[in-house]
């Protein structure tokens, strides 16, 4: 499947802004704690969850793609973004999706040097996320990841494309892949964000979380 996001990119200011950044919405989880269904397509306050994430991420990057380990056609009615299916066996999580996207970029977007990641189940991240991560990561050439309230959120990250060989070696050697461990091995920079209420990095894992997210959406969007 090919195409581009329907969202018109509006560039946020960041250092070395001439370098294009591609955003990846990571939608490859198995939703084991969420009824076993594809939560990326669940309707959150009137819109599919993945659509909310795409709309929030789109203005922060030059192009958006989706990473999944399932049927890519299920997103065709929501977005025209490229959908990349990860090529690693055993459901190795977001790092496998990142590796697949890095391979795709090398072939299809060789001018791109950086990739930003957004989890499909975290729709409330800041509008300046990529700008803030870029200010720290780009000058040093290392990954950066978000944190708030002393808690790391490495799935909200910015990655140089040159990490792909080391990432694939890491995935082959480890029985259980860990975003935190890998990003630390790459001298990743932690970028702290304000601990607001609601938490900008609130993650929807369960049905109860989804209900809380519904209430957060109604409050922020002026619903009843």
Protein backbone atom coordinates (compact mmCIF):
# COMPACT_ATOMS: atom_id res chain seq x y z
CA UNK A 1 0.00 0.00 0.00
CA UNK A 2 1.38 3.44 -0.83
CA UNK A 3 0.41 7.07 -0.55
CA UNK A 4 0.83 10.01 1.79
CA UNK A 5 -1.02 11.25 4.82
CA UNK A 6 -4.15 13.28 4.25
CA UNK A 7 -2.95 15.72 6.88
CA UNK A 8 -1.22 18.75 5.36
CA UNK A 9 2.10 19.15 7.19
CA UNK A 10 2.60 22.44 9.02
CA UNK A 11 6.23 22.62 10.07
CA UNK A 12 7.06 23.23 13.71
CA UNK A 13 10.28 25.16 14.36
CA UNK A 14 13.24 22.99 15.32
CA UNK A 15 16.99 23.24 15.01
CA UNK A 16 18.42 22.17 11.63
CA UNK A 17 14.90 22.42 10.21
CA UNK A 18 16.15 21.72 6.70
CA UNK A 19 16.43 18.04 7.66
CA UNK A 20 13.19 16.20 6.86
CA UNK A 21 11.66 14.10 9.61
CA UNK A 22 9.26 11.22 8.96
CA UNK A 23 6.79 10.30 11.69
CA UNK A 24 5.81 6.70 12.39
CA UNK A 25 2.60 5.77 14.17
CA UNK A 26 3.32 2.45 15.86
CA UNK A 27 0.16 0.35 15.55
CA UNK A 28 1.50 -3.18 15.88
CA UNK A 29 0.47 -4.16 19.39
CA UNK A 30 -1.62 -7.22 20.18
CA UNK A 31 -4.03 -5.38 22.54
CA UNK A 32 -3.89 -8.26 25.02
CA UNK A 33 -5.31 -6.09 27.82
CA UNK A 34 -7.91 -4.48 25.60
CA UNK A 35 -10.53 -7.12 24.77
CA UNK A 36 -8.12 -8.66 22.26
CA UNK A 37 -9.43 -6.35 19.53
CA UNK A 38 -7.56 -3.81 17.42
CA UNK A 39 -7.76 -0.76 19.65
CA UNK A 40 -6.25 1.47 16.95
CA UNK A 41 -9.64 1.35 15.20
CA UNK A 42 -11.75 1.84 18.34
CA UNK A 43 -13.89 4.99 18.22
CA UNK A 44 -12.64 7.52 20.77
CA UNK A 45 -15.04 10.44 21.21
CA UNK A 46 -16.37 10.13 17.66
CA UNK A 47 -13.17 9.31 15.76
CA UNK A 48 -10.95 6.22 15.37
CA UNK A 49 -8.07 6.30 17.83
CA UNK A 50 -5.45 6.10 15.08
CA UNK A 51 -7.03 9.05 13.29
CA UNK A 52 -6.60 11.19 16.41
CA UNK A 53 -2.92 10.26 16.62
CA UNK A 54 -2.36 10.94 12.92
CA UNK A 55 -3.99 14.35 13.20
CA UNK A 56 -1.89 15.27 16.23
CA UNK A 57 1.38 14.02 14.74
CA UNK A 58 0.90 15.27 11.18
CA UNK A 59 1.74 18.95 11.74
CA UNK A 60 4.97 18.03 13.54
CA UNK A 61 6.65 16.05 10.73
CA UNK A 62 7.15 16.11 6.97
CA UNK A 63 5.38 12.82 6.31
CA UNK A 64 3.55 10.18 8.32
CA UNK A 65 3.63 6.41 7.89
CA UNK A 66 2.02 3.62 9.91
CA UNK A 67 3.83 0.58 11.27
CA UNK A 68 1.84 -2.60 11.86
CA UNK A 69 2.23 -6.37 12.02
CA UNK A 70 -1.33 -6.98 10.85
CA UNK A 71 -3.41 -6.47 7.72
CA UNK A 72 -2.45 -3.03 6.33
CA UNK A 73 -5.74 -2.67 4.42
CA UNK A 74 -7.67 -2.05 7.64
CA UNK A 75 -6.44 1.55 7.66
CA UNK A 76 -7.38 2.31 4.04
CA UNK A 77 -10.66 4.00 4.94
CA UNK A 78 -8.98 6.28 7.47
CA UNK A 79 -5.78 7.53 5.88
CA UNK A 80 -3.73 7.41 2.69
CA UNK A 81 -0.50 7.14 4.69
CA UNK A 82 1.95 4.43 3.72
CA UNK A 83 1.52 1.32 5.88
CA UNK A 84 4.68 -0.68 6.60
CA UNK A 85 4.40 -4.26 7.88
CA UNK A 86 7.28 -5.25 10.15
CA UNK A 87 9.37 -8.21 9.01
CA UNK A 88 10.46 -9.61 12.36
CA UNK A 89 9.03 -12.87 13.75
CA UNK A 90 7.65 -13.27 17.23
CA UNK A 91 5.92 -9.94 17.92
CA UNK A 92 9.03 -8.10 19.10
CA UNK A 93 7.12 -4.92 19.73
CA UNK A 94 7.75 -1.32 18.71
CA UNK A 95 11.45 -1.87 18.02
CA UNK A 96 10.55 -4.33 15.26
CA UNK A 97 8.23 -1.76 13.74
CA UNK A 98 10.96 0.86 13.96
CA UNK A 99 13.43 -1.46 12.22
CA UNK A 100 11.01 -2.13 9.36
CA UNK A 101 10.39 1.58 8.90
CA UNK A 102 14.12 2.33 8.87
CA UNK A 103 14.58 -0.23 6.07
CA UNK A 104 11.70 1.29 4.11
CA UNK A 105 13.13 4.78 4.50
CA UNK A 106 16.53 3.69 3.23
CA UNK A 107 14.90 2.52 0.01
CA UNK A 108 12.05 4.97 -0.48
CA UNK A 109 13.14 8.17 1.29
CA UNK A 110 16.97 8.16 1.24
CA UNK A 111 17.09 11.88 1.96
CA UNK A 112 15.47 11.39 5.38
CA UNK A 113 17.89 11.23 8.31
CA UNK A 114 15.49 11.18 11.29
CA UNK A 115 12.37 9.30 12.30
CA UNK A 116 9.91 10.23 15.06
CA UNK A 117 7.76 7.57 16.73
CA UNK A 118 4.27 7.92 18.20
CA UNK A 119 2.31 5.06 19.82
CA UNK A 120 -1.19 4.59 18.49
CA UNK A 121 -2.57 4.34 22.03
CA UNK A 122 -1.18 7.67 23.26
CA UNK A 123 -3.30 10.41 21.63
CA UNK A 124 -2.61 13.30 24.05
CA UNK A 125 1.09 14.01 23.42
CA UNK A 126 2.25 17.65 23.16
CA UNK A 127 2.04 19.58 19.92
CA UNK A 128 5.69 20.56 20.34
CA UNK A 129 6.92 17.00 20.98
CA UNK A 130 9.07 16.64 17.86
CA UNK A 131 10.38 20.20 18.08
CA UNK A 132 11.54 19.63 21.66
CA UNK A 133 13.12 16.25 20.93
CA UNK A 134 14.82 17.65 17.83
CA UNK A 135 16.41 20.53 19.72
CA UNK A 136 18.28 17.98 21.86
CA UNK A 137 18.87 15.11 19.44
CA UNK A 138 19.83 16.72 16.15
CA UNK A 139 22.94 18.60 17.30
CA UNK A 140 24.32 15.45 18.99
CA UNK A 141 23.21 12.88 16.43
CA UNK A 142 21.74 10.51 19.04
CA UNK A 143 18.18 9.38 19.85
CA UNK A 144 15.97 11.37 22.22
CA UNK A 145 12.89 10.30 24.14
CA UNK A 146 10.19 11.94 26.23
CA UNK A 147 9.66 11.78 29.97
CA UNK A 148 7.26 13.39 32.42
CA UNK A 149 6.96 13.24 36.18
CA UNK A 150 10.16 11.23 36.39
CA UNK A 151 8.78 8.50 34.14
CA UNK A 152 10.35 7.62 30.78
CA UNK A 153 8.20 7.32 27.65
CA UNK A 154 10.69 5.98 25.07
CA UNK A 155 8.02 5.08 22.52
CA UNK A 156 7.69 8.84 22.01
CA UNK A 157 11.10 9.14 20.45
CA UNK A 158 13.30 10.64 17.75
CA UNK A 159 15.80 8.34 16.07
CA UNK A 160 18.67 8.82 13.57
CA UNK A 161 18.31 6.37 10.69
CA UNK A 162 21.92 5.21 11.12
CA UNK A 163 20.92 3.06 14.09
CA UNK A 164 19.30 0.38 11.93
CA UNK A 165 22.22 -2.12 11.84
CA UNK A 166 22.68 -1.99 15.60
CA UNK A 167 18.92 -2.20 16.13
CA UNK A 168 18.61 -5.35 14.04
CA UNK A 169 21.56 -6.95 15.85
CA UNK A 170 19.92 -6.09 19.15
CA UNK A 171 16.62 -7.68 18.08
CA UNK A 172 18.33 -10.88 16.91
CA UNK A 173 20.32 -11.28 20.15
CA UNK A 174 17.56 -10.47 22.62
CA UNK A 175 14.66 -12.80 23.37
CA UNK A 176 12.74 -9.84 24.76
CA UNK A 177 13.28 -6.45 23.16
CA UNK A 178 13.18 -3.34 25.33
CA UNK A 179 12.89 0.20 24.08
CA UNK A 180 14.45 1.54 27.26
CA UNK A 181 17.46 -0.78 27.10
CA UNK A 182 18.10 -0.13 23.44
CA UNK A 183 17.81 3.64 23.63
CA UNK A 184 20.18 3.68 26.62
CA UNK A 185 22.66 1.61 24.63
CA UNK A 186 22.58 4.37 22.01
CA UNK A 187 23.27 7.15 24.54
CA UNK A 188 19.71 8.40 24.13
CA UNK A 189 18.82 11.77 25.61
CA UNK A 190 15.89 12.08 27.99
CA UNK A 191 13.81 15.20 27.33
CA UNK A 192 11.54 16.15 30.24
CA UNK A 193 8.09 17.57 29.56
CA UNK A 194 5.84 19.32 32.06
CA UNK A 195 3.74 16.97 34.18
CA UNK A 196 0.36 18.43 33.34
CA UNK A 197 -3.10 17.16 34.14
CA UNK A 198 -4.15 15.20 32.21
CA UNK A 199 -0.85 13.47 31.58
CA UNK A 200 0.22 14.27 27.98
CA UNK A 201 1.66 10.77 27.69
CA UNK A 202 -1.37 8.93 29.02
CA UNK A 203 -1.42 5.47 27.48
CA UNK A 204 -4.58 3.50 26.67
CA UNK A 205 -4.00 -0.13 27.62
CA UNK A 206 -7.33 -1.28 29.08
CA UNK A 207 -11.04 -0.62 28.68
CA UNK A 208 -10.89 1.49 31.84
CA UNK A 209 -8.11 3.57 30.29
CA UNK A 210 -10.29 4.02 27.21
CA UNK A 211 -13.16 5.32 29.35
CA UNK A 212 -10.76 7.78 31.01
CA UNK A 213 -9.55 8.88 27.58
CA UNK A 214 -13.16 9.49 26.50
CA UNK A 215 -13.64 11.78 29.50
CA UNK A 216 -10.35 13.58 28.73
CA UNK A 217 -11.45 14.17 25.14
CA UNK A 218 -14.84 15.52 26.21
CA UNK A 219 -13.21 17.89 28.68
CA UNK A 220 -10.55 19.19 26.29
CA UNK A 221 -12.93 19.48 23.34
CA UNK A 222 -15.76 21.11 25.27
CA UNK A 223 -18.11 18.15 25.14
CA UNK A 224 -20.67 17.20 27.75
